[in-house]
Amino acid sequence: MKSLLLTASIVTAVSLPVYPQSATWYSTTSDGDTWSRKTVKLTKGPANKSILRIDSSSTGQTFRHWGTTFNELDWDTFVQLPHAVRDSVMYNLFSPDGDLRFSRGRVSMNCNDYGRSWWSCDEVAGDLELRYFNINRDKTSIIPLIRAAQHYRPDITLWASPWSPPSWMKINHDYPVVSSKHNDADPDIDYLLFGSAEDINEDEMKFLGERRGKFPYRLATQDYMIQDPRYLQAYANYFCKFIDAYAAENITIDMIIYQNEAYSYTPYPGCPWTTEGTIRFNRDYLAPTLRRMHPEVKLYLGTFNTNRQDHVESILADENLRSKTDGLAFQWEGREIMPEIRRQYPDFHYICSESECGNGDMDWKAGEHTFFLIADNIANGIDEWYNWNFLLPRRGTSPWGWDQNALIEFNPENRTIRYTPEYYAVKHFSQAIPAGSTIAGAVGRDNADMPLVVARTPHGRYNVVAANRTDEARPLILTIENMELNVILAPHSFNSFILR
């Protein structure tokens, strides 16, 4: 069995190994046992059948943040909760002593597919000076939701990306990419995407679970963002105005990504970019404008939701752009190519910028899939992970016709909530792998039935997170500092071990 090839890091005095003798074992099972606890003893000596052997030389990336996204439909659900439930939800999500302990957030610049309707911060056509720029819509929803999180996490920071530029900055003068029954876009100009209207599938991005093959099926043949230098510079200025406007609300945006999913050709807000357009805008406009106006703000490239490795490599081949880039963000199909990209460019920070959103079932299968994805992303070398929606009503249907999952499901009939299996999948990771932990070992796609992560906390102790996704009980055998953890994992279970 393969294990993760981990890059070296410096182990300081505070992280010297502590030889574990026992572990507190937390488990969640598909039969409804959400968070049981017991103690298990470790035994002396290495095991011959260990999945991983971990010691002080097993050093990988330092994990920095667990995070989530602040969306308008989450806010619309949040305000329907009784006040006491609102407080408990935000405590569980964001408090350093809560369940998930999110310390960082993502926000959309302009509307995304989980806004209630399209808006941007400046819909006045031709306003290249951005005189009409404002975040008034954000102040009615996104910002109040962030403030509720700040109550329990005052130091929370955010990063931002757009789904679509203002409609007048695009070649189709509209927020979506393709026409649909869910929007009013003109079908006569769908040909702009590929140079023809053939092979356009507005539901291509909706394939759930492990989407097979090549994504996207075809790459866009032109940039939907107008490539006139005046527009590109105005758009770079737009990012800085957004950072300024949020700072005026006492909200820190310290990282920017130019586009969410440039490879999803959507009936909801979206914007395809070519290789040349991506390089041009980031290298010649966004990066220098950020460095001039906000040198404290990092620039990441992404969010890469494509497994077309040659395309991503063609963007990263530009040395000038690479020198201005602090990290790379992957989600969906991008996860498949991340190990090879990381091998070529080991000095970047890598993040999982969005969890996969499911199909509205919010069931155990979705929880298992999310558990696997987290483990696999950590095995790929990420040091930050971001959830998508954290609170939605049943089915979680967007205005553009997509049912999606959330960590917490709201029942509008009786105003109650349910913490979904995905919530507990995240909880096992976020409690066992606090910020500042070093990833000592991880197994994802190499053993998808039993994904696991071993982390060394900032205090030098080891924690283990593992799942059994099969119908049978399975043994978990690990050697950690010459001590053996040997347990049987229940079928369809999430598990975490806090070693002492």
Protein backbone atom coordinates (compact mmCIF):
# COMPACT_ATOMS: atom_id res chain seq x y z
CA MET A 1 0.00 0.00 0.00
CA LYS A 2 1.31 3.43 -0.89
CA SER A 3 1.59 6.15 1.72
CA LEU A 4 1.95 9.86 1.27
CA LEU A 5 5.33 11.22 0.21
CA LEU A 6 5.62 14.16 2.56
CA THR A 7 7.92 17.14 2.30
CA ALA A 8 10.36 17.84 5.10
CA SER A 9 9.70 20.48 7.73
CA ILE A 10 11.58 21.69 10.78
CA VAL A 11 10.51 20.05 14.03
CA THR A 12 10.93 22.49 16.88
CA ALA A 13 11.44 21.74 20.55
CA VAL A 14 7.74 22.06 21.32
CA SER A 15 6.92 19.27 18.88
CA LEU A 16 9.24 16.56 20.21
CA PRO A 17 7.40 13.23 20.20
CA VAL A 18 5.42 12.20 23.22
CA TYR A 19 5.20 8.41 23.42
CA PRO A 20 1.50 7.56 23.56
CA GLN A 21 0.17 4.98 26.02
CA SER A 22 -3.57 5.25 25.45
CA ALA A 23 -6.09 7.03 23.27
CA THR A 24 -9.52 8.53 23.68
CA TRP A 25 -11.55 7.03 20.85
CA TYR A 26 -14.47 9.00 19.41
CA SER A 27 -16.73 7.34 16.85
CA THR A 28 -19.72 8.16 14.68
CA THR A 29 -21.65 5.40 12.94
CA SER A 30 -24.29 5.20 10.26
CA ASP A 31 -26.82 3.71 12.70
CA GLY A 32 -27.17 7.03 14.50
CA ASP A 33 -24.44 6.91 17.16
CA THR A 34 -23.09 10.40 16.55
CA TRP A 35 -20.25 10.87 19.04
CA SER A 36 -19.48 7.96 21.35
CA ARG A 37 -16.35 7.94 23.50
CA LYS A 38 -14.15 5.29 25.09
CA THR A 39 -10.52 4.66 26.01
CA VAL A 40 -8.23 2.22 24.22
CA LYS A 41 -4.74 1.11 25.33
CA LEU A 42 -1.75 1.08 23.00
CA THR A 43 0.71 -1.79 23.15
CA LYS A 44 4.50 -1.80 22.98
CA GLY A 45 6.28 -2.69 19.77
CA PRO A 46 5.74 -2.22 16.05
CA ALA A 47 3.04 -4.19 14.28
CA ASN A 48 3.88 -6.20 11.18
CA LYS A 49 0.65 -5.22 9.45
CA SER A 50 0.69 -1.50 10.13
CA ILE A 51 -1.02 0.68 7.55
CA LEU A 52 1.45 3.42 8.45
CA ARG A 53 4.52 3.63 10.65
CA ILE A 54 4.89 7.05 12.21
CA ASP A 55 7.79 8.51 14.19
CA SER A 56 9.52 11.84 14.67
CA SER A 57 10.96 11.68 11.14
CA SER A 58 7.47 11.54 9.62
CA THR A 59 6.99 15.19 8.81
CA GLY A 60 4.77 16.88 6.25
CA GLN A 61 2.88 20.11 5.73
CA THR A 62 1.70 22.20 8.66
CA PHE A 63 -2.07 22.40 8.62
CA ARG A 64 -3.26 25.99 9.05
CA HIS A 65 -7.05 26.37 8.83
CA TRP A 66 -10.44 24.71 8.74
CA GLY A 67 -12.92 27.06 7.12
CA THR A 68 -16.33 27.54 5.53
CA THR A 69 -18.14 29.83 3.10
CA PHE A 70 -20.56 32.66 3.90
CA ASN A 71 -23.43 32.57 1.40
CA GLU A 72 -26.66 34.51 1.10
CA LEU A 73 -28.92 31.44 1.24
CA ASP A 74 -27.17 30.35 4.45
CA TRP A 75 -28.12 33.73 5.91
CA ASP A 76 -31.72 33.38 4.71
CA THR A 77 -31.87 30.05 6.57
CA PHE A 78 -30.05 31.39 9.62
CA VAL A 79 -32.61 34.13 10.27
CA GLN A 80 -35.39 31.52 10.40
CA LEU A 81 -33.78 29.80 13.39
CA PRO A 82 -34.92 30.53 16.95
CA HIS A 83 -32.40 32.89 18.59
CA ALA A 84 -31.08 30.29 21.02
CA VAL A 85 -30.49 27.88 18.14
CA ARG A 86 -28.66 30.57 16.18
CA ASP A 87 -26.25 31.01 19.07
CA SER A 88 -25.62 27.29 19.45
CA VAL A 89 -25.05 26.87 15.71
CA MET A 90 -22.46 29.64 15.52
CA TYR A 91 -20.77 28.45 18.70
CA ASN A 92 -20.49 24.92 17.34
CA LEU A 93 -19.15 26.14 14.01
CA PHE A 94 -16.76 28.92 15.01
CA SER A 95 -15.87 28.92 18.70
CA PRO A 96 -12.34 27.67 19.48
CA ASP A 97 -14.07 25.41 22.02
CA GLY A 98 -16.92 24.36 19.71
CA ASP A 99 -17.29 21.37 17.44
CA LEU A 100 -15.82 22.45 14.09
CA ARG A 101 -13.62 25.37 15.18
CA PHE A 102 -13.63 27.16 11.84
CA SER A 103 -11.00 29.91 11.95
CA ARG A 104 -11.24 31.19 8.41
CA GLY A 105 -13.92 31.94 5.83
CA ARG A 106 -14.54 32.38 2.16
CA VAL A 107 -16.77 35.04 0.64
CA SER A 108 -17.97 35.60 -2.91
CA MET A 109 -17.28 38.94 -4.54
CA ASN A 110 -20.63 39.58 -6.30
CA CYS A 111 -23.35 36.93 -6.37
CA ASN A 112 -22.62 33.22 -6.50
CA ASP A 113 -24.98 30.29 -7.15
CA TYR A 114 -26.12 30.39 -3.50
CA GLY A 115 -27.27 33.97 -3.64
CA ARG A 116 -31.02 34.49 -3.91
CA SER A 117 -30.69 36.49 -7.17
CA TRP A 118 -27.98 38.10 -9.25
CA TRP A 119 -26.18 41.19 -8.01
CA SER A 120 -22.75 42.72 -8.31
CA CYS A 121 -21.07 45.59 -6.52
CA ASP A 122 -21.38 47.78 -9.60
CA GLU A 123 -23.98 47.07 -12.30
CA VAL A 124 -23.69 50.52 -13.90
CA ALA A 125 -22.55 49.77 -17.44
CA GLY A 126 -19.35 51.53 -18.48
CA ASP A 127 -18.45 52.64 -14.96
CA LEU A 128 -14.73 52.04 -15.41
CA GLU A 129 -13.97 54.52 -12.64
CA LEU A 130 -16.17 52.46 -10.30
CA ARG A 131 -17.96 55.52 -8.98
CA TYR A 132 -21.04 53.42 -8.22
CA PHE A 133 -19.20 50.57 -6.51
CA ASN A 134 -20.86 49.48 -3.23
CA ILE A 135 -21.39 46.44 -1.02
CA ASN A 136 -24.97 47.31 -0.08
CA ARG A 137 -26.27 43.83 -0.88
CA ASP A 138 -23.52 42.23 1.23
CA LYS A 139 -24.58 44.40 4.16
CA THR A 140 -28.05 42.85 4.17
CA SER A 141 -26.90 39.22 4.33
CA ILE A 142 -23.27 38.15 4.04
CA ILE A 143 -21.83 40.68 6.46
CA PRO A 144 -24.44 40.03 9.20
CA LEU A 145 -23.66 36.32 8.90
CA ILE A 146 -19.94 37.03 9.26
CA ARG A 147 -20.67 39.21 12.30
CA ALA A 148 -22.49 36.29 13.91
CA ALA A 149 -19.35 34.22 13.40
CA GLN A 150 -17.11 37.02 14.70
CA HIS A 151 -19.01 36.90 17.99
CA TYR A 152 -17.36 33.53 18.66
CA ARG A 153 -14.25 34.00 16.49
CA PRO A 154 -13.31 37.71 16.57
CA ASP A 155 -10.04 37.08 14.73
CA ILE A 156 -11.59 35.23 11.77
CA THR A 157 -10.09 36.22 8.42
CA LEU A 158 -11.48 35.68 4.93
CA TRP A 159 -10.52 35.24 1.34
CA ALA A 160 -12.59 36.27 -1.65
CA SER A 161 -13.25 35.18 -5.22
CA PRO A 162 -15.90 36.14 -7.78
CA TRP A 163 -18.18 33.74 -9.64
CA SER A 164 -18.80 36.41 -12.26
CA PRO A 165 -17.59 39.95 -12.94
CA PRO A 166 -20.25 42.63 -13.27
CA SER A 167 -22.37 41.69 -16.28
CA TRP A 168 -21.27 44.70 -18.34
CA MET A 169 -17.62 43.60 -18.09
CA LYS A 170 -18.38 40.37 -19.96
CA ILE A 171 -18.65 39.65 -23.66
CA ASN A 172 -22.20 38.31 -23.27
CA HIS A 173 -23.26 41.24 -21.03
CA ASP A 174 -24.91 38.82 -18.61
CA TYR A 175 -24.04 36.97 -15.40
CA PRO A 176 -24.41 33.32 -16.57
CA VAL A 177 -22.30 31.53 -19.13
CA VAL A 178 -25.07 29.67 -20.98
CA SER A 179 -28.81 30.08 -21.41
CA SER A 180 -31.21 27.98 -19.36
CA LYS A 181 -34.77 27.79 -18.12
CA HIS A 182 -33.27 29.11 -14.87
CA ASN A 183 -32.11 32.42 -16.38
CA ASP A 184 -33.00 34.96 -19.07
CA ALA A 185 -29.77 34.65 -21.05
CA ASP A 186 -29.96 34.89 -24.83
CA PRO A 187 -29.53 31.40 -26.38
CA ASP A 188 -28.46 32.98 -29.67
CA ILE A 189 -25.07 33.85 -28.16
CA ASP A 190 -24.33 30.53 -26.47
CA TYR A 191 -21.99 29.96 -29.41
CA LEU A 192 -19.53 32.37 -27.75
CA LEU A 193 -18.35 29.54 -25.47
CA PHE A 194 -16.91 27.12 -28.03
CA GLY A 195 -17.41 29.03 -31.26
CA SER A 196 -20.59 26.98 -31.75
CA ALA A 197 -23.59 25.99 -29.65
CA GLU A 198 -22.75 22.29 -29.96
CA ASP A 199 -21.71 20.18 -26.96
CA ILE A 200 -23.01 22.71 -24.44
CA ASN A 201 -24.43 20.97 -21.38
CA GLU A 202 -25.60 23.31 -18.65
CA ASP A 203 -25.73 20.38 -16.21
CA GLU A 204 -22.20 19.14 -16.85
CA MET A 205 -20.98 20.51 -13.52
CA LYS A 206 -23.79 18.76 -11.61
CA PHE A 207 -22.45 15.23 -11.95
CA LEU A 208 -22.26 13.98 -8.37
CA GLY A 209 -19.89 11.70 -6.52
CA GLU A 210 -16.75 10.80 -8.48
CA ARG A 211 -17.26 12.51 -11.84
CA ARG A 212 -15.43 10.33 -14.35
CA GLY A 213 -13.27 11.25 -17.28
CA LYS A 214 -12.26 14.66 -18.55
CA PHE A 215 -13.63 17.87 -17.07
CA PRO A 216 -14.59 20.06 -18.70
CA TYR A 217 -15.32 18.08 -21.85
CA ARG A 218 -14.22 21.07 -23.91
CA LEU A 219 -12.30 24.18 -22.90
CA ALA A 220 -13.76 27.59 -23.67
CA THR A 221 -12.30 29.14 -26.79
CA GLN A 222 -12.43 32.72 -25.55
CA ASP A 223 -12.50 34.72 -22.33
CA TYR A 224 -15.90 35.88 -21.19
CA MET A 225 -14.23 38.76 -19.33
CA ILE A 226 -13.65 41.59 -21.83
CA GLN A 227 -9.90 41.74 -22.52
CA ASP A 228 -9.73 45.49 -23.20
CA PRO A 229 -6.93 46.86 -20.92
CA ARG A 230 -9.30 49.49 -19.53
CA TYR A 231 -11.70 46.78 -18.36
CA LEU A 232 -8.96 44.55 -16.98
CA GLN A 233 -7.50 47.41 -14.93
CA ALA A 234 -10.94 48.45 -13.72
CA TYR A 235 -11.59 44.88 -12.62
CA ALA A 236 -8.27 44.74 -10.73
CA ASN A 237 -9.25 48.00 -9.01
CA TYR A 238 -12.63 46.43 -8.23
CA PHE A 239 -10.94 43.72 -6.13
CA CYS A 240 -9.13 46.37 -4.11
CA LYS A 241 -12.32 48.35 -3.56
CA PHE A 242 -13.95 45.17 -2.28
CA ILE A 243 -11.11 44.61 0.19
CA ASP A 244 -11.41 48.25 1.32
CA ALA A 245 -15.18 48.08 1.73
CA TYR A 246 -14.98 44.95 3.88
CA ALA A 247 -12.17 46.48 5.95
CA ALA A 248 -14.47 49.42 6.68
CA GLU A 249 -16.85 46.83 8.17
CA ASN A 250 -14.04 45.45 10.37
CA ILE A 251 -13.70 42.31 8.24
CA THR A 252 -10.25 41.33 7.01
CA ILE A 253 -9.81 39.87 3.52
CA ASP A 254 -6.21 38.73 3.28
CA MET A 255 -6.27 36.58 0.15
CA ILE A 256 -7.74 36.88 -3.34
CA ILE A 257 -8.43 34.40 -6.13
CA TYR A 258 -9.38 35.85 -9.52
CA GLN A 259 -12.19 33.39 -10.39
CA ASN A 260 -14.25 30.54 -8.99
CA GLU A 261 -14.30 27.54 -11.36
CA ALA A 262 -13.34 29.04 -14.68
CA TYR A 263 -14.16 25.62 -16.15
CA SER A 264 -17.83 25.35 -15.15
CA TYR A 265 -20.03 26.65 -17.97
CA THR A 266 -22.97 27.58 -15.85
CA PRO A 267 -26.55 28.85 -16.02
CA TYR A 268 -25.77 30.58 -12.72
CA PRO A 269 -23.05 33.25 -12.25
CA GLY A 270 -19.85 32.19 -13.98
CA CYS A 271 -17.02 33.29 -16.24
CA PRO A 272 -14.78 31.13 -18.44
CA TRP A 273 -11.15 32.20 -18.87
CA THR A 274 -8.58 30.93 -21.35
CA THR A 275 -4.95 30.22 -20.47
CA GLU A 276 -3.87 33.49 -22.05
CA GLY A 277 -6.57 35.51 -20.32
CA THR A 278 -5.81 33.97 -16.95
CA ILE A 279 -2.12 34.79 -17.24
CA ARG A 280 -2.74 38.26 -18.63
CA PHE A 281 -5.18 39.39 -15.96
CA ASN A 282 -3.35 37.94 -12.96
CA ARG A 283 0.18 38.79 -14.05
CA ASP A 284 -0.30 42.20 -15.64
CA TYR A 285 -3.25 43.66 -13.73
CA LEU A 286 -4.43 41.95 -10.55
CA ALA A 287 -1.03 41.08 -9.04
CA PRO A 288 0.61 44.50 -9.56
CA THR A 289 -2.53 46.33 -8.44
CA LEU A 290 -2.72 44.26 -5.26
CA ARG A 291 0.98 44.80 -4.55
CA ARG A 292 0.54 48.53 -4.99
CA MET A 293 -2.71 49.00 -3.06
CA HIS A 294 -2.79 45.98 -0.73
CA PRO A 295 0.66 44.42 -0.38
CA GLU A 296 -0.56 42.50 2.66
CA VAL A 297 -3.08 40.54 0.59
CA LYS A 298 -1.95 37.25 -0.93
CA LEU A 299 -2.75 36.17 -4.47
CA TYR A 300 -3.63 32.53 -5.13
CA LEU A 301 -4.39 30.97 -8.50
CA GLY A 302 -7.53 28.89 -8.96
CA THR A 303 -9.98 27.78 -8.15
CA PHE A 304 -8.88 24.88 -10.35
CA ASN A 305 -11.82 22.52 -10.80
CA THR A 306 -10.34 20.87 -13.87
CA ASN A 307 -8.32 17.69 -14.30
CA ARG A 308 -6.82 18.98 -17.54
CA GLN A 309 -3.28 18.94 -16.21
CA ASP A 310 -1.72 20.35 -19.37
CA HIS A 311 -3.95 23.41 -19.11
CA VAL A 312 -2.98 24.11 -15.48
CA GLU A 313 0.67 23.52 -16.35
CA SER A 314 0.41 26.03 -19.20
CA ILE A 315 -0.74 28.70 -16.74
CA LEU A 316 1.98 27.88 -14.22
CA ALA A 317 4.64 27.81 -16.94
CA ASP A 318 4.66 31.62 -16.88
CA GLU A 319 7.56 32.34 -14.54
CA ASN A 320 6.59 35.98 -14.10
CA LEU A 321 3.12 34.98 -12.93
CA ARG A 322 4.50 32.28 -10.61
CA SER A 323 6.75 34.82 -8.94
CA LYS A 324 3.68 36.89 -8.03
CA THR A 325 1.64 33.93 -6.76
CA ASP A 326 1.50 32.74 -3.15
CA GLY A 327 -0.48 29.53 -3.53
CA LEU A 328 -2.85 27.35 -5.54
CA ALA A 329 -6.48 26.42 -4.85
CA PHE A 330 -8.07 23.19 -6.07
CA GLN A 331 -11.58 21.80 -5.86
CA TRP A 332 -13.65 19.08 -7.55
CA GLU A 333 -11.68 17.49 -10.46
CA GLY A 334 -8.65 19.61 -9.63
CA ARG A 335 -7.95 17.24 -6.74
CA GLU A 336 -7.03 14.52 -9.26
CA ILE A 337 -4.03 16.42 -10.64
CA MET A 338 -2.89 18.15 -7.44
CA PRO A 339 -0.21 15.56 -6.50
CA GLU A 340 1.61 16.00 -9.81
CA ILE A 341 1.28 19.80 -9.77
CA ARG A 342 2.59 19.82 -6.21
CA ARG A 343 5.52 17.61 -7.24
CA GLN A 344 6.44 20.18 -9.90
CA TYR A 345 5.85 23.20 -7.67
CA PRO A 346 6.50 22.14 -4.06
CA ASP A 347 7.02 25.65 -2.69
CA PHE A 348 3.43 26.85 -3.13
CA HIS A 349 0.77 26.62 -0.44
CA TYR A 350 -2.07 24.35 -1.54
CA ILE A 351 -5.67 24.56 -0.35
CA CYS A 352 -8.94 22.75 -0.95
CA SER A 353 -11.07 25.78 -1.74
CA GLU A 354 -14.49 24.09 -1.67
CA SER A 355 -16.03 20.83 -0.50
CA GLU A 356 -18.16 18.94 -3.01
CA CYS A 357 -21.77 19.98 -2.58
CA GLY A 358 -23.73 16.77 -3.12
CA ASN A 359 -27.32 16.47 -4.29
CA GLY A 360 -29.45 17.62 -1.36
CA ASP A 361 -29.77 14.21 0.34
CA MET A 362 -27.57 15.22 3.31
CA ASP A 363 -27.25 11.51 4.11
CA TRP A 364 -24.58 9.11 5.37
CA LYS A 365 -23.25 8.48 1.85
CA ALA A 366 -22.57 12.19 1.50
CA GLY A 367 -20.79 12.19 4.86
CA GLU A 368 -18.56 9.30 3.84
CA HIS A 369 -17.71 10.99 0.57
CA THR A 370 -16.76 14.19 2.37
CA PHE A 371 -14.63 12.24 4.88
CA PHE A 372 -12.74 10.58 2.02
CA LEU A 373 -12.27 13.89 0.20
CA ILE A 374 -10.79 15.58 3.27
CA ALA A 375 -8.33 12.72 3.83
CA ASP A 376 -7.37 12.61 0.16
CA ASN A 377 -6.86 16.37 -0.03
CA ILE A 378 -4.64 16.27 3.06
CA ALA A 379 -2.69 13.37 1.50
CA ASN A 380 -2.28 15.60 -1.57
CA GLY A 381 -0.63 18.27 0.58
CA ILE A 382 -3.27 20.89 1.34
CA ASP A 383 -2.81 23.07 4.41
CA GLU A 384 -6.31 24.63 4.42
CA TRP A 385 -9.74 23.12 3.76
CA TYR A 386 -13.03 24.95 3.10
CA ASN A 387 -16.60 23.77 3.43
CA TRP A 388 -19.24 25.06 1.02
CA ASN A 389 -22.70 25.72 2.59
CA PHE A 390 -22.99 25.20 6.32
CA LEU A 391 -26.75 25.77 6.82
CA LEU A 392 -29.57 25.13 4.34
CA PRO A 393 -33.21 24.02 4.40
CA ARG A 394 -34.16 20.53 3.29
CA ARG A 395 -32.92 19.72 -0.22
CA GLY A 396 -30.96 22.98 -0.25
CA THR A 397 -32.26 24.03 -3.67
CA SER A 398 -30.58 27.01 -5.33
CA PRO A 399 -32.43 29.59 -7.47
CA TRP A 400 -30.73 27.94 -10.47
CA GLY A 401 -32.20 24.50 -9.83
CA TRP A 402 -29.45 22.60 -8.02
CA ASP A 403 -30.17 20.66 -4.80
CA GLN A 404 -27.13 20.73 -2.52
CA ASN A 405 -25.99 19.60 0.92
CA ALA A 406 -25.04 21.49 4.03
CA LEU A 407 -23.44 20.65 7.36
CA ILE A 408 -26.66 21.55 9.13
CA GLU A 409 -30.14 20.88 7.74
CA PHE A 410 -33.06 23.13 8.66
CA ASN A 411 -36.65 21.89 8.81
CA PRO A 412 -38.83 24.96 8.08
CA GLU A 413 -41.99 23.16 9.19
CA ASN A 414 -41.00 22.95 12.85
CA ARG A 415 -37.94 25.25 12.81
CA THR A 416 -35.59 22.52 14.01
CA ILE A 417 -32.13 21.60 12.79
CA ARG A 418 -30.26 18.37 12.18
CA TYR A 419 -26.48 18.03 12.23
CA THR A 420 -25.80 15.95 9.13
CA PRO A 421 -23.22 13.14 8.72
CA GLU A 422 -20.99 15.61 6.86
CA TYR A 423 -20.95 17.75 9.99
CA TYR A 424 -19.59 14.85 12.02
CA ALA A 425 -17.09 13.95 9.31
CA VAL A 426 -15.65 17.46 9.58
CA LYS A 427 -15.81 17.38 13.38
CA HIS A 428 -13.58 14.31 13.58
CA PHE A 429 -10.93 16.10 11.54
CA SER A 430 -11.16 19.59 13.01
CA GLN A 431 -10.98 18.40 16.62
CA ALA A 432 -8.12 15.97 16.02
CA ILE A 433 -6.07 18.25 13.75
CA PRO A 434 -5.94 21.74 15.27
CA ALA A 435 -4.27 24.61 13.46
CA GLY A 436 -0.51 24.27 13.59
CA SER A 437 -0.52 20.48 13.48
CA THR A 438 2.02 18.70 11.30
CA ILE A 439 0.65 16.02 8.99
CA ALA A 440 2.73 12.92 9.84
CA GLY A 441 1.01 10.56 7.42
CA ALA A 442 -2.14 10.22 5.33
CA VAL A 443 -3.86 7.71 3.08
CA GLY A 444 -6.59 8.81 0.68
CA ARG A 445 -7.20 7.40 -2.77
CA ASP A 446 -4.62 4.62 -2.24
CA ASN A 447 -7.05 2.97 0.20
CA ALA A 448 -10.35 4.76 -0.35
CA ASP A 449 -12.31 2.26 1.78
CA MET A 450 -10.30 3.24 4.87
CA PRO A 451 -8.98 6.79 4.48
CA LEU A 452 -6.93 8.08 7.42
CA VAL A 453 -4.73 10.93 8.60
CA VAL A 454 -2.15 11.01 11.40
CA ALA A 455 -1.21 14.44 12.73
CA ARG A 456 1.27 15.69 15.33
CA THR A 457 -0.29 18.55 17.27
CA PRO A 458 1.60 21.74 18.19
CA HIS A 459 2.16 20.14 21.64
CA GLY A 460 3.89 17.14 20.11
CA ARG A 461 1.09 14.62 20.62
CA TYR A 462 -0.31 12.39 17.91
CA ASN A 463 -3.92 12.17 16.78
CA VAL A 464 -5.47 9.81 14.24
CA VAL A 465 -8.59 10.22 12.09
CA ALA A 466 -9.88 7.19 10.17
CA ALA A 467 -13.04 5.89 8.52
CA ASN A 468 -14.37 2.49 7.53
CA ARG A 469 -16.56 2.95 4.44
CA THR A 470 -17.30 -0.76 3.96
CA ASP A 471 -20.12 -3.08 5.10
CA GLU A 472 -17.78 -5.14 7.32
CA ALA A 473 -15.80 -4.40 10.46
CA ARG A 474 -12.17 -3.72 9.57
CA PRO A 475 -8.94 -3.66 11.61
CA LEU A 476 -6.95 -0.44 11.94
CA ILE A 477 -3.32 -1.08 12.85
CA LEU A 478 -0.84 1.78 13.17
CA THR A 479 2.66 2.01 14.63
CA ILE A 480 3.29 5.37 16.28
CA GLU A 481 6.62 5.97 18.03
CA ASN A 482 7.10 2.20 18.50
CA MET A 483 3.64 1.86 20.03
CA GLU A 484 0.83 -0.02 18.34
CA LEU A 485 -2.74 1.19 17.90
CA ASN A 486 -4.76 -1.92 17.05
CA VAL A 487 -8.55 -1.56 16.93
CA ILE A 488 -11.53 -2.79 14.95
CA LEU A 489 -13.47 -0.07 13.15
CA ALA A 490 -17.21 -0.59 12.88
CA PRO A 491 -18.68 -0.73 9.38
CA HIS A 492 -19.61 2.68 8.00
CA SER A 493 -17.97 4.63 10.80
CA PHE A 494 -15.96 7.79 11.35
CA ASN A 495 -13.30 7.60 14.07
CA SER A 496 -10.77 9.83 15.76
CA PHE A 497 -8.16 8.91 18.34
CA ILE A 498 -6.66 11.49 20.69
CA LEU A 499 -3.43 9.83 21.85
CA ARG A 500 -2.08 10.43 25.36
